[in-house]
Amino acid sequence: MSTTEELIDALNIMRQKFLNEKVKVAFKNWNKTMQYYFPDKDEHWNIKLINGIPEELEKGEVSNPEIRYEMDSDTFLAITRKELTGMKAYQQKKVKVKAKMPILMKLQKLDKL
């Protein structure tokens, strides 16, 4: 099982993707909360976007996030290390995601980074 420090580093890598010039324009009007739940650690972590800019990582459960991911921490690390794609993890039922389809389609831009 991954350490909390590794998990926080990976979540911050995800946050930084929103600052990439290739995707920044696509997300510039986004005001959404992405919540990650890691059952193996029983931890919730949130990335809140204000006008597409990620705020500091926050620990804790929020009600009604626009995007909710659930996966174990090792799966998330594998995705951020590009050892596994998000789509493949989803198809293998390693990831559960809850969001509206247009949101999910837009988030695919991040997979290319």
PDB file of N, CA and C in Angstrom:
ATOM      1  N   MET A   1       0.847  -1.176   0.000  1.00  0.00           N
ATOM      2  CA  MET A   1       0.000   0.000   0.000  1.00  0.00           C
ATOM      3  C   MET A   1       0.897   1.245   0.000  1.00  0.00           C
ATOM      4  N   SER A   2       0.471   2.226  -0.735  1.00  0.00           N
ATOM      5  CA  SER A   2       1.234   3.468  -0.844  1.00  0.00           C
ATOM      6  C   SER A   2       1.166   4.263   0.460  1.00  0.00           C
ATOM      7  N   THR A   3       2.122   5.163   0.618  1.00  0.00           N
ATOM      8  CA  THR A   3       2.125   6.019   1.798  1.00  0.00           C
ATOM      9  C   THR A   3       1.249   7.253   1.524  1.00  0.00           C
ATOM     10  N   THR A   4       0.846   7.909   2.581  1.00  0.00           N
ATOM     11  CA  THR A   4       0.055   9.132   2.430  1.00  0.00           C
ATOM     12  C   THR A   4       0.872  10.196   1.707  1.00  0.00           C
ATOM     13  N   GLU A   5       2.167  10.260   1.979  1.00  0.00           N
ATOM     14  CA  GLU A   5       3.033  11.232   1.306  1.00  0.00           C
ATOM     15  C   GLU A   5       3.051  10.997  -0.209  1.00  0.00           C
ATOM     16  N   GLU A   6       3.154   9.732  -0.623  1.00  0.00           N
ATOM     17  CA  GLU A   6       3.119   9.416  -2.059  1.00  0.00           C
ATOM     18  C   GLU A   6       1.780   9.825  -2.670  1.00  0.00           C
ATOM     19  N   LEU A   7       0.722   9.579  -1.941  1.00  0.00           N
ATOM     20  CA  LEU A   7      -0.618   9.916  -2.410  1.00  0.00           C
ATOM     21  C   LEU A   7      -0.775  11.435  -2.574  1.00  0.00           C
ATOM     22  N   ILE A   8      -0.318  12.192  -1.601  1.00  0.00           N
ATOM     23  CA  ILE A   8      -0.393  13.657  -1.683  1.00  0.00           C
ATOM     24  C   ILE A   8       0.433  14.169  -2.862  1.00  0.00           C
ATOM     25  N   ASP A   9       1.614  13.603  -3.063  1.00  0.00           N
ATOM     26  CA  ASP A   9       2.446  13.998  -4.215  1.00  0.00           C
ATOM     27  C   ASP A   9       1.707  13.744  -5.526  1.00  0.00           C
ATOM     28  N   ALA A  10       1.062  12.580  -5.633  1.00  0.00           N
ATOM     29  CA  ALA A  10       0.324  12.233  -6.854  1.00  0.00           C
ATOM     30  C   ALA A  10      -0.876  13.155  -7.056  1.00  0.00           C
ATOM     31  N   LEU A  11      -1.579  13.477  -5.982  1.00  0.00           N
ATOM     32  CA  LEU A  11      -2.711  14.409  -6.082  1.00  0.00           C
ATOM     33  C   LEU A  11      -2.241  15.796  -6.521  1.00  0.00           C
ATOM     34  N   ASN A  12      -1.084  16.209  -6.048  1.00  0.00           N
ATOM     35  CA  ASN A  12      -0.548  17.506  -6.466  1.00  0.00           C
ATOM     36  C   ASN A  12      -0.100  17.490  -7.925  1.00  0.00           C
ATOM     37  N   ILE A  13       0.348  16.352  -8.407  1.00  0.00           N
ATOM     38  CA  ILE A  13       0.654  16.220  -9.835  1.00  0.00           C
ATOM     39  C   ILE A  13      -0.630  16.418 -10.639  1.00  0.00           C
ATOM     40  N   MET A  14      -1.721  15.829 -10.163  1.00  0.00           N
ATOM     41  CA  MET A  14      -3.018  15.994 -10.833  1.00  0.00           C
ATOM     42  C   MET A  14      -3.436  17.468 -10.822  1.00  0.00           C
ATOM     43  N   ARG A  15      -3.274  18.135  -9.706  1.00  0.00           N
ATOM     44  CA  ARG A  15      -3.598  19.568  -9.616  1.00  0.00           C
ATOM     45  C   ARG A  15      -2.819  20.372 -10.653  1.00  0.00           C
ATOM     46  N   GLN A  16      -1.545  20.062 -10.772  1.00  0.00           N
ATOM     47  CA  GLN A  16      -0.684  20.816 -11.686  1.00  0.00           C
ATOM     48  C   GLN A  16      -1.092  20.666 -13.145  1.00  0.00           C
ATOM     49  N   LYS A  17      -1.738  19.570 -13.480  1.00  0.00           N
ATOM     50  CA  LYS A  17      -2.169  19.366 -14.873  1.00  0.00           C
ATOM     51  C   LYS A  17      -3.103  20.476 -15.337  1.00  0.00           C
ATOM     52  N   PHE A  18      -3.881  21.034 -14.414  1.00  0.00           N
ATOM     53  CA  PHE A  18      -4.810  22.099 -14.785  1.00  0.00           C
ATOM     54  C   PHE A  18      -4.096  23.404 -15.119  1.00  0.00           C
ATOM     55  N   LEU A  19      -2.828  23.500 -14.761  1.00  0.00           N
ATOM     56  CA  LEU A  19      -2.055  24.712 -15.049  1.00  0.00           C
ATOM     57  C   LEU A  19      -1.270  24.595 -16.350  1.00  0.00           C
ATOM     58  N   ASN A  20      -1.323  23.421 -16.963  1.00  0.00           N
ATOM     59  CA  ASN A  20      -0.637  23.208 -18.236  1.00  0.00           C
ATOM     60  C   ASN A  20      -1.287  24.065 -19.321  1.00  0.00           C
ATOM     61  N   GLU A  21      -0.466  24.746 -20.097  1.00  0.00           N
ATOM     62  CA  GLU A  21      -0.980  25.644 -21.142  1.00  0.00           C
ATOM     63  C   GLU A  21      -1.871  24.928 -22.155  1.00  0.00           C
ATOM     64  N   LYS A  22      -1.633  23.636 -22.372  1.00  0.00           N
ATOM     65  CA  LYS A  22      -2.423  22.877 -23.357  1.00  0.00           C
ATOM     66  C   LYS A  22      -3.873  22.681 -22.916  1.00  0.00           C
ATOM     67  N   VAL A  23      -4.117  22.675 -21.630  1.00  0.00           N
ATOM     68  CA  VAL A  23      -5.487  22.436 -21.137  1.00  0.00           C
ATOM     69  C   VAL A  23      -6.096  23.621 -20.405  1.00  0.00           C
ATOM     70  N   LYS A  24      -5.287  24.570 -20.041  1.00  0.00           N
ATOM     71  CA  LYS A  24      -5.744  25.714 -19.238  1.00  0.00           C
ATOM     72  C   LYS A  24      -6.948  26.419 -19.861  1.00  0.00           C
ATOM     73  N   VAL A  25      -6.918  26.634 -21.159  1.00  0.00           N
ATOM     74  CA  VAL A  25      -8.009  27.338 -21.844  1.00  0.00           C
ATOM     75  C   VAL A  25      -9.310  26.542 -21.753  1.00  0.00           C
ATOM     76  N   ALA A  26      -9.230  25.238 -21.899  1.00  0.00           N
ATOM     77  CA  ALA A  26     -10.433  24.400 -21.889  1.00  0.00           C
ATOM     78  C   ALA A  26     -11.145  24.421 -20.535  1.00  0.00           C
ATOM     79  N   PHE A  27     -10.405  24.660 -19.465  1.00  0.00           N
ATOM     80  CA  PHE A  27     -10.979  24.604 -18.124  1.00  0.00           C
ATOM     81  C   PHE A  27     -11.144  25.990 -17.484  1.00  0.00           C
ATOM     82  N   LYS A  28     -10.918  27.061 -18.251  1.00  0.00           N
ATOM     83  CA  LYS A  28     -10.850  28.400 -17.653  1.00  0.00           C
ATOM     84  C   LYS A  28     -12.125  28.846 -16.939  1.00  0.00           C
ATOM     85  N   ASN A  29     -13.280  28.344 -17.305  1.00  0.00           N
ATOM     86  CA  ASN A  29     -14.524  28.737 -16.627  1.00  0.00           C
ATOM     87  C   ASN A  29     -15.050  27.666 -15.672  1.00  0.00           C
ATOM     88  N   TRP A  30     -14.235  26.702 -15.362  1.00  0.00           N
ATOM     89  CA  TRP A  30     -14.666  25.610 -14.495  1.00  0.00           C
ATOM     90  C   TRP A  30     -14.649  26.018 -13.036  1.00  0.00           C
ATOM     91  N   ASN A  31     -15.750  25.773 -12.359  1.00  0.00           N
ATOM     92  CA  ASN A  31     -15.869  25.946 -10.919  1.00  0.00           C
ATOM     93  C   ASN A  31     -16.444  24.638 -10.386  1.00  0.00           C
ATOM     94  N   LYS A  32     -15.562  23.721 -10.105  1.00  0.00           N
ATOM     95  CA  LYS A  32     -15.983  22.373  -9.734  1.00  0.00           C
ATOM     96  C   LYS A  32     -15.081  21.821  -8.633  1.00  0.00           C
ATOM     97  N   THR A  33     -15.622  20.847  -7.925  1.00  0.00           N
ATOM     98  CA  THR A  33     -14.852  20.120  -6.923  1.00  0.00           C
ATOM     99  C   THR A  33     -14.690  18.682  -7.382  1.00  0.00           C
ATOM    100  N   MET A  34     -13.438  18.237  -7.398  1.00  0.00           N
ATOM    101  CA  MET A  34     -13.112  16.842  -7.706  1.00  0.00           C
ATOM    102  C   MET A  34     -12.760  16.178  -6.374  1.00  0.00           C
ATOM    103  N   GLN A  35     -13.534  15.166  -6.024  1.00  0.00           N
ATOM    104  CA  GLN A  35     -13.262  14.462  -4.774  1.00  0.00           C
ATOM    105  C   GLN A  35     -12.730  13.072  -5.087  1.00  0.00           C
ATOM    106  N   TYR A  36     -11.648  12.730  -4.426  1.00  0.00           N
ATOM    107  CA  TYR A  36     -11.045  11.404  -4.542  1.00  0.00           C
ATOM    108  C   TYR A  36     -11.254  10.689  -3.213  1.00  0.00           C
ATOM    109  N   TYR A  37     -11.795   9.476  -3.295  1.00  0.00           N
ATOM    110  CA  TYR A  37     -11.953   8.659  -2.094  1.00  0.00           C
ATOM    111  C   TYR A  37     -11.102   7.411  -2.258  1.00  0.00           C
ATOM    112  N   PHE A  38     -10.247   7.166  -1.267  1.00  0.00           N
ATOM    113  CA  PHE A  38      -9.346   6.013  -1.280  1.00  0.00           C
ATOM    114  C   PHE A  38      -9.764   5.074  -0.150  1.00  0.00           C
ATOM    115  N   PRO A  39     -10.583   4.044  -0.467  1.00  0.00           N
ATOM    116  CA  PRO A  39     -11.099   3.165   0.590  1.00  0.00           C
ATOM    117  C   PRO A  39     -10.009   2.430   1.367  1.00  0.00           C
ATOM    118  N   ASP A  40      -8.869   2.133   0.709  1.00  0.00           N
ATOM    119  CA  ASP A  40      -7.801   1.424   1.425  1.00  0.00           C
ATOM    120  C   ASP A  40      -7.196   2.285   2.530  1.00  0.00           C
ATOM    121  N   LYS A  41      -7.356   3.593   2.433  1.00  0.00           N
ATOM    122  CA  LYS A  41      -6.880   4.512   3.469  1.00  0.00           C
ATOM    123  C   LYS A  41      -8.034   5.169   4.215  1.00  0.00           C
ATOM    124  N   ASP A  42      -9.257   4.971   3.714  1.00  0.00           N
ATOM    125  CA  ASP A  42     -10.460   5.633   4.229  1.00  0.00           C
ATOM    126  C   ASP A  42     -10.230   7.145   4.321  1.00  0.00           C
ATOM    127  N   GLU A  43      -9.742   7.709   3.197  1.00  0.00           N
ATOM    128  CA  GLU A  43      -9.452   9.135   3.120  1.00  0.00           C
ATOM    129  C   GLU A  43     -10.127   9.751   1.905  1.00  0.00           C
ATOM    130  N   HIS A  44     -10.628  10.955   2.095  1.00  0.00           N
ATOM    131  CA  HIS A  44     -11.172  11.772   1.014  1.00  0.00           C
ATOM    132  C   HIS A  44     -10.217  12.941   0.798  1.00  0.00           C
ATOM    133  N   TRP A  45      -9.923  13.237  -0.469  1.00  0.00           N
ATOM    134  CA  TRP A  45      -9.093  14.392  -0.828  1.00  0.00           C
ATOM    135  C   TRP A  45      -9.815  15.144  -1.938  1.00  0.00           C
ATOM    136  N   ASN A  46      -9.717  16.463  -1.906  1.00  0.00           N
ATOM    137  CA  ASN A  46     -10.443  17.303  -2.853  1.00  0.00           C
ATOM    138  C   ASN A  46      -9.529  18.274  -3.573  1.00  0.00           C
ATOM    139  N   ILE A  47      -9.825  18.432  -4.849  1.00  0.00           N
ATOM    140  CA  ILE A  47      -9.214  19.476  -5.653  1.00  0.00           C
ATOM    141  C   ILE A  47     -10.365  20.368  -6.103  1.00  0.00           C
ATOM    142  N   LYS A  48     -10.354  21.590  -5.638  1.00  0.00           N
ATOM    143  CA  LYS A  48     -11.399  22.545  -6.003  1.00  0.00           C
ATOM    144  C   LYS A  48     -10.837  23.477  -7.063  1.00  0.00           C
ATOM    145  N   LEU A  49     -11.594  23.620  -8.148  1.00  0.00           N
ATOM    146  CA  LEU A  49     -11.197  24.502  -9.243  1.00  0.00           C
ATOM    147  C   LEU A  49     -12.061  25.753  -9.219  1.00  0.00           C
ATOM    148  N   ILE A  50     -11.424  26.903  -9.241  1.00  0.00           N
ATOM    149  CA  ILE A  50     -12.104  28.181  -9.350  1.00  0.00           C
ATOM    150  C   ILE A  50     -11.623  28.819 -10.650  1.00  0.00           C
ATOM    151  N   ASN A  51     -12.549  28.980 -11.599  1.00  0.00           N
ATOM    152  CA  ASN A  51     -12.196  29.463 -12.943  1.00  0.00           C
ATOM    153  C   ASN A  51     -11.059  28.645 -13.540  1.00  0.00           C
ATOM    154  N   GLY A  52     -11.101  27.338 -13.283  1.00  0.00           N
ATOM    155  CA  GLY A  52     -10.124  26.418 -13.848  1.00  0.00           C
ATOM    156  C   GLY A  52      -8.794  26.341 -13.125  1.00  0.00           C
ATOM    157  N   ILE A  53      -8.609  27.171 -12.115  1.00  0.00           N
ATOM    158  CA  ILE A  53      -7.353  27.184 -11.364  1.00  0.00           C
ATOM    159  C   ILE A  53      -7.529  26.346 -10.095  1.00  0.00           C
ATOM    160  N   PRO A  54      -6.656  25.348  -9.893  1.00  0.00           N
ATOM    161  CA  PRO A  54      -6.805  24.501  -8.708  1.00  0.00           C
ATOM    162  C   PRO A  54      -6.366  25.213  -7.437  1.00  0.00           C
ATOM    163  N   GLU A  55      -7.196  25.090  -6.411  1.00  0.00           N
ATOM    164  CA  GLU A  55      -6.828  25.594  -5.095  1.00  0.00           C
ATOM    165  C   GLU A  55      -5.964  24.538  -4.406  1.00  0.00           C
ATOM    166  N   GLU A  56      -5.524  24.838  -3.208  1.00  0.00           N
ATOM    167  CA  GLU A  56      -4.724  23.880  -2.450  1.00  0.00           C
ATOM    168  C   GLU A  56      -5.521  22.601  -2.196  1.00  0.00           C
ATOM    169  N   LEU A  57      -4.831  21.509  -2.156  1.00  0.00           N
ATOM    170  CA  LEU A  57      -5.417  20.212  -1.865  1.00  0.00           C
ATOM    171  C   LEU A  57      -6.041  20.243  -0.473  1.00  0.00           C
ATOM    172  N   GLU A  58      -7.256  19.678  -0.360  1.00  0.00           N
ATOM    173  CA  GLU A  58      -7.944  19.644   0.929  1.00  0.00           C
ATOM    174  C   GLU A  58      -8.313  18.215   1.279  1.00  0.00           C
ATOM    175  N   LYS A  59      -8.121  17.880   2.532  1.00  0.00           N
ATOM    176  CA  LYS A  59      -8.510  16.562   3.029  1.00  0.00           C
ATOM    177  C   LYS A  59      -9.885  16.665   3.664  1.00  0.00           C
ATOM    178  N   GLY A  60     -10.720  15.650   3.437  1.00  0.00           N
ATOM    179  CA  GLY A  60     -12.036  15.601   4.060  1.00  0.00           C
ATOM    180  C   GLY A  60     -13.132  15.447   3.031  1.00  0.00           C
ATOM    181  N   GLU A  61     -14.232  14.893   3.472  1.00  0.00           N
ATOM    182  CA  GLU A  61     -15.369  14.652   2.583  1.00  0.00           C
ATOM    183  C   GLU A  61     -16.193  15.929   2.422  1.00  0.00           C
ATOM    184  N   VAL A  62     -16.606  16.200   1.191  1.00  0.00           N
ATOM    185  CA  VAL A  62     -17.517  17.311   0.928  1.00  0.00           C
ATOM    186  C   VAL A  62     -18.815  16.733   0.373  1.00  0.00           C
ATOM    187  N   SER A  63     -19.906  17.453   0.561  1.00  0.00           N
ATOM    188  CA  SER A  63     -21.176  16.959   0.038  1.00  0.00           C
ATOM    189  C   SER A  63     -21.350  17.415  -1.405  1.00  0.00           C
ATOM    190  N   ASN A  64     -21.850  16.542  -2.209  1.00  0.00           N
ATOM    191  CA  ASN A  64     -22.197  16.808  -3.608  1.00  0.00           C
ATOM    192  C   ASN A  64     -21.071  17.369  -4.476  1.00  0.00           C
ATOM    193  N   PRO A  65     -19.900  16.711  -4.508  1.00  0.00           N
ATOM    194  CA  PRO A  65     -18.879  17.173  -5.450  1.00  0.00           C
ATOM    195  C   PRO A  65     -19.355  16.906  -6.881  1.00  0.00           C
ATOM    196  N   GLU A  66     -18.956  17.736  -7.808  1.00  0.00           N
ATOM    197  CA  GLU A  66     -19.361  17.536  -9.211  1.00  0.00           C
ATOM    198  C   GLU A  66     -18.698  16.304  -9.820  1.00  0.00           C
ATOM    199  N   ILE A  67     -17.526  15.953  -9.302  1.00  0.00           N
ATOM    200  CA  ILE A  67     -16.779  14.796  -9.794  1.00  0.00           C
ATOM    201  C   ILE A  67     -16.332  14.000  -8.571  1.00  0.00           C
ATOM    202  N   ARG A  68     -16.633  12.704  -8.589  1.00  0.00           N
ATOM    203  CA  ARG A  68     -16.232  11.855  -7.460  1.00  0.00           C
ATOM    204  C   ARG A  68     -15.566  10.599  -7.993  1.00  0.00           C
ATOM    205  N   TYR A  69     -14.333  10.404  -7.572  1.00  0.00           N
ATOM    206  CA  TYR A  69     -13.580   9.197  -7.925  1.00  0.00           C
ATOM    207  C   TYR A  69     -13.443   8.322  -6.696  1.00  0.00           C
ATOM    208  N   GLU A  70     -13.472   7.015  -6.918  1.00  0.00           N
ATOM    209  CA  GLU A  70     -13.190   6.070  -5.849  1.00  0.00           C
ATOM    210  C   GLU A  70     -12.268   5.004  -6.403  1.00  0.00           C
ATOM    211  N   MET A  71     -11.135   4.833  -5.740  1.00  0.00           N
ATOM    212  CA  MET A  71     -10.150   3.824  -6.149  1.00  0.00           C
ATOM    213  C   MET A  71      -9.161   3.643  -5.012  1.00  0.00           C
ATOM    214  N   ASP A  72      -8.420   2.547  -5.035  1.00  0.00           N
ATOM    215  CA  ASP A  72      -7.405   2.413  -3.993  1.00  0.00           C
ATOM    216  C   ASP A  72      -6.211   3.292  -4.365  1.00  0.00           C
ATOM    217  N   SER A  73      -5.416   3.595  -3.371  1.00  0.00           N
ATOM    218  CA  SER A  73      -4.312   4.540  -3.565  1.00  0.00           C
ATOM    219  C   SER A  73      -3.276   4.013  -4.552  1.00  0.00           C
ATOM    220  N   ASP A  74      -3.030   2.708  -4.578  1.00  0.00           N
ATOM    221  CA  ASP A  74      -2.054   2.154  -5.528  1.00  0.00           C
ATOM    222  C   ASP A  74      -2.526   2.317  -6.966  1.00  0.00           C
ATOM    223  N   THR A  75      -3.818   2.185  -7.217  1.00  0.00           N
ATOM    224  CA  THR A  75      -4.353   2.409  -8.569  1.00  0.00           C
ATOM    225  C   THR A  75      -4.139   3.855  -8.979  1.00  0.00           C
ATOM    226  N   PHE A  76      -4.413   4.786  -8.066  1.00  0.00           N
ATOM    227  CA  PHE A  76      -4.220   6.201  -8.385  1.00  0.00           C
ATOM    228  C   PHE A  76      -2.754   6.500  -8.693  1.00  0.00           C
ATOM    229  N   LEU A  77      -1.864   5.937  -7.916  1.00  0.00           N
ATOM    230  CA  LEU A  77      -0.430   6.138  -8.183  1.00  0.00           C
ATOM    231  C   LEU A  77      -0.048   5.565  -9.541  1.00  0.00           C
ATOM    232  N   ALA A  78      -0.561   4.396  -9.879  1.00  0.00           N
ATOM    233  CA  ALA A  78      -0.262   3.792 -11.183  1.00  0.00           C
ATOM    234  C   ALA A  78      -0.755   4.679 -12.322  1.00  0.00           C
ATOM    235  N   ILE A  79      -1.913   5.302 -12.146  1.00  0.00           N
ATOM    236  CA  ILE A  79      -2.449   6.199 -13.172  1.00  0.00           C
ATOM    237  C   ILE A  79      -1.565   7.437 -13.302  1.00  0.00           C
ATOM    238  N   THR A  80      -1.189   8.042 -12.193  1.00  0.00           N
ATOM    239  CA  THR A  80      -0.375   9.265 -12.266  1.00  0.00           C
ATOM    240  C   THR A  80       1.031   8.976 -12.771  1.00  0.00           C
ATOM    241  N   ARG A  81       1.508   7.765 -12.564  1.00  0.00           N
ATOM    242  CA  ARG A  81       2.837   7.375 -13.075  1.00  0.00           C
ATOM    243  C   ARG A  81       2.776   6.872 -14.514  1.00  0.00           C
ATOM    244  N   LYS A  82       1.567   6.864 -15.075  1.00  0.00           N
ATOM    245  CA  LYS A  82       1.318   6.413 -16.448  1.00  0.00           C
ATOM    246  C   LYS A  82       1.632   4.924 -16.648  1.00  0.00           C
ATOM    247  N   GLU A  83       1.507   4.158 -15.578  1.00  0.00           N
ATOM    248  CA  GLU A  83       1.636   2.706 -15.653  1.00  0.00           C
ATOM    249  C   GLU A  83       0.289   2.082 -16.019  1.00  0.00           C
ATOM    250  N   LEU A  84      -0.767   2.863 -15.885  1.00  0.00           N
ATOM    251  CA  LEU A  84      -2.128   2.423 -16.140  1.00  0.00           C
ATOM    252  C   LEU A  84      -2.919   3.647 -16.585  1.00  0.00           C
ATOM    253  N   THR A  85      -3.745   3.484 -17.607  1.00  0.00           N
ATOM    254  CA  THR A  85      -4.583   4.613 -18.020  1.00  0.00           C
ATOM    255  C   THR A  85      -5.849   4.626 -17.169  1.00  0.00           C
ATOM    256  N   GLY A  86      -6.425   5.811 -17.022  1.00  0.00           N
ATOM    257  CA  GLY A  86      -7.669   5.928 -16.282  1.00  0.00           C
ATOM    258  C   GLY A  86      -8.773   5.097 -16.904  1.00  0.00           C
ATOM    259  N   MET A  87      -8.818   5.077 -18.235  1.00  0.00           N
ATOM    260  CA  MET A  87      -9.855   4.304 -18.932  1.00  0.00           C
ATOM    261  C   MET A  87      -9.685   2.808 -18.680  1.00  0.00           C
ATOM    262  N   LYS A  88      -8.454   2.335 -18.742  1.00  0.00           N
ATOM    263  CA  LYS A  88      -8.215   0.906 -18.505  1.00  0.00           C
ATOM    264  C   LYS A  88      -8.568   0.539 -17.052  1.00  0.00           C
ATOM    265  N   ALA A  89      -8.201   1.404 -16.122  1.00  0.00           N
ATOM    266  CA  ALA A  89      -8.530   1.153 -14.716  1.00  0.00           C
ATOM    267  C   ALA A  89     -10.046   1.115 -14.529  1.00  0.00           C
ATOM    268  N   TYR A  90     -10.749   2.004 -15.225  1.00  0.00           N
ATOM    269  CA  TYR A  90     -12.214   2.031 -15.162  1.00  0.00           C
ATOM    270  C   TYR A  90     -12.797   0.739 -15.744  1.00  0.00           C
ATOM    271  N   GLN A  91     -12.286   0.324 -16.901  1.00  0.00           N
ATOM    272  CA  GLN A  91     -12.777  -0.896 -17.538  1.00  0.00           C
ATOM    273  C   GLN A  91     -12.508  -2.132 -16.675  1.00  0.00           C
ATOM    274  N   GLN A  92     -11.419  -2.111 -15.941  1.00  0.00           N
ATOM    275  CA  GLN A  92     -11.082  -3.226 -15.052  1.00  0.00           C
ATOM    276  C   GLN A  92     -11.795  -3.120 -13.698  1.00  0.00           C
ATOM    277  N   LYS A  93     -12.668  -2.118 -13.577  1.00  0.00           N
ATOM    278  CA  LYS A  93     -13.447  -1.877 -12.360  1.00  0.00           C
ATOM    279  C   LYS A  93     -12.571  -1.548 -11.151  1.00  0.00           C
ATOM    280  N   LYS A  94     -11.405  -0.958 -11.427  1.00  0.00           N
ATOM    281  CA  LYS A  94     -10.525  -0.499 -10.351  1.00  0.00           C
ATOM    282  C   LYS A  94     -10.866   0.927  -9.934  1.00  0.00           C
ATOM    283  N   VAL A  95     -11.633   1.609 -10.789  1.00  0.00           N
ATOM    284  CA  VAL A  95     -12.016   2.997 -10.536  1.00  0.00           C
ATOM    285  C   VAL A  95     -13.523   3.127 -10.695  1.00  0.00           C
ATOM    286  N   LYS A  96     -14.145   3.788  -9.734  1.00  0.00           N
ATOM    287  CA  LYS A  96     -15.547   4.186  -9.867  1.00  0.00           C
ATOM    288  C   LYS A  96     -15.535   5.697 -10.003  1.00  0.00           C
ATOM    289  N   VAL A  97     -16.358   6.198 -10.917  1.00  0.00           N
ATOM    290  CA  VAL A  97     -16.416   7.642 -11.108  1.00  0.00           C
ATOM    291  C   VAL A  97     -17.864   8.071 -11.232  1.00  0.00           C
ATOM    292  N   LYS A  98     -18.161   9.207 -10.625  1.00  0.00           N
ATOM    293  CA  LYS A  98     -19.505   9.744 -10.706  1.00  0.00           C
ATOM    294  C   LYS A  98     -19.391  11.207 -11.132  1.00  0.00           C
ATOM    295  N   ALA A  99     -19.912  11.484 -12.321  1.00  0.00           N
ATOM    296  CA  ALA A  99     -19.927  12.843 -12.867  1.00  0.00           C
ATOM    297  C   ALA A  99     -20.803  12.822 -14.105  1.00  0.00           C
ATOM    298  N   LYS A 100     -21.235  13.978 -14.531  1.00  0.00           N
ATOM    299  CA  LYS A 100     -22.017  14.070 -15.765  1.00  0.00           C
ATOM    300  C   LYS A 100     -21.105  13.807 -16.956  1.00  0.00           C
ATOM    301  N   MET A 101     -21.672  13.223 -17.999  1.00  0.00           N
ATOM    302  CA  MET A 101     -20.892  12.816 -19.162  1.00  0.00           C
ATOM    303  C   MET A 101     -20.078  13.959 -19.786  1.00  0.00           C
ATOM    304  N   PRO A 102     -20.634  15.170 -19.967  1.00  0.00           N
ATOM    305  CA  PRO A 102     -19.803  16.242 -20.552  1.00  0.00           C
ATOM    306  C   PRO A 102     -18.567  16.569 -19.701  1.00  0.00           C
ATOM    307  N   ILE A 103     -18.707  16.435 -18.395  1.00  0.00           N
ATOM    308  CA  ILE A 103     -17.569  16.663 -17.497  1.00  0.00           C
ATOM    309  C   ILE A 103     -16.515  15.589 -17.717  1.00  0.00           C
ATOM    310  N   LEU A 104     -16.948  14.342 -17.786  1.00  0.00           N
ATOM    311  CA  LEU A 104     -16.009  13.236 -17.994  1.00  0.00           C
ATOM    312  C   LEU A 104     -15.281  13.363 -19.338  1.00  0.00           C
ATOM    313  N   MET A 105     -16.013  13.790 -20.348  1.00  0.00           N
ATOM    314  CA  MET A 105     -15.400  13.961 -21.670  1.00  0.00           C
ATOM    315  C   MET A 105     -14.317  15.035 -21.617  1.00  0.00           C
ATOM    316  N   LYS A 106     -14.590  16.121 -20.940  1.00  0.00           N
ATOM    317  CA  LYS A 106     -13.612  17.204 -20.833  1.00  0.00           C
ATOM    318  C   LYS A 106     -12.386  16.766 -20.037  1.00  0.00           C
ATOM    319  N   LEU A 107     -12.604  15.982 -18.994  1.00  0.00           N
ATOM    320  CA  LEU A 107     -11.492  15.525 -18.160  1.00  0.00           C
ATOM    321  C   LEU A 107     -10.517  14.625 -18.921  1.00  0.00           C
ATOM    322  N   GLN A 108     -10.966  14.036 -20.012  1.00  0.00           N
ATOM    323  CA  GLN A 108     -10.073  13.185 -20.804  1.00  0.00           C
ATOM    324  C   GLN A 108      -8.882  13.964 -21.354  1.00  0.00           C
ATOM    325  N   LYS A 109      -9.005  15.271 -21.474  1.00  0.00           N
ATOM    326  CA  LYS A 109      -7.890  16.111 -21.925  1.00  0.00           C
ATOM    327  C   LYS A 109      -6.681  15.950 -20.998  1.00  0.00           C
ATOM    328  N   LEU A 110      -6.938  15.685 -19.725  1.00  0.00           N
ATOM    329  CA  LEU A 110      -5.866  15.549 -18.758  1.00  0.00           C
ATOM    330  C   LEU A 110      -5.072  14.264 -18.962  1.00  0.00           C
ATOM    331  N   ASP A 111      -5.697  13.242 -19.536  1.00  0.00           N
ATOM    332  CA  ASP A 111      -5.010  11.954 -19.748  1.00  0.00           C
ATOM    333  C   ASP A 111      -3.862  12.083 -20.727  1.00  0.00           C
ATOM    334  N   LYS A 112      -3.910  13.083 -21.587  1.00  0.00           N
ATOM    335  CA  LYS A 112      -2.878  13.231 -22.609  1.00  0.00           C
ATOM    336  C   LYS A 112      -1.606  13.903 -22.073  1.00  0.00           C
ATOM    337  N   LEU A 113      -1.675  14.374 -20.851  1.00  0.00           N
ATOM    338  CA  LEU A 113      -0.498  15.054 -20.267  1.00  0.00           C
ATOM    339  C   LEU A 113       0.411  14.090 -19.542  1.00  0.00           C
TER     340      LEU A 113
END
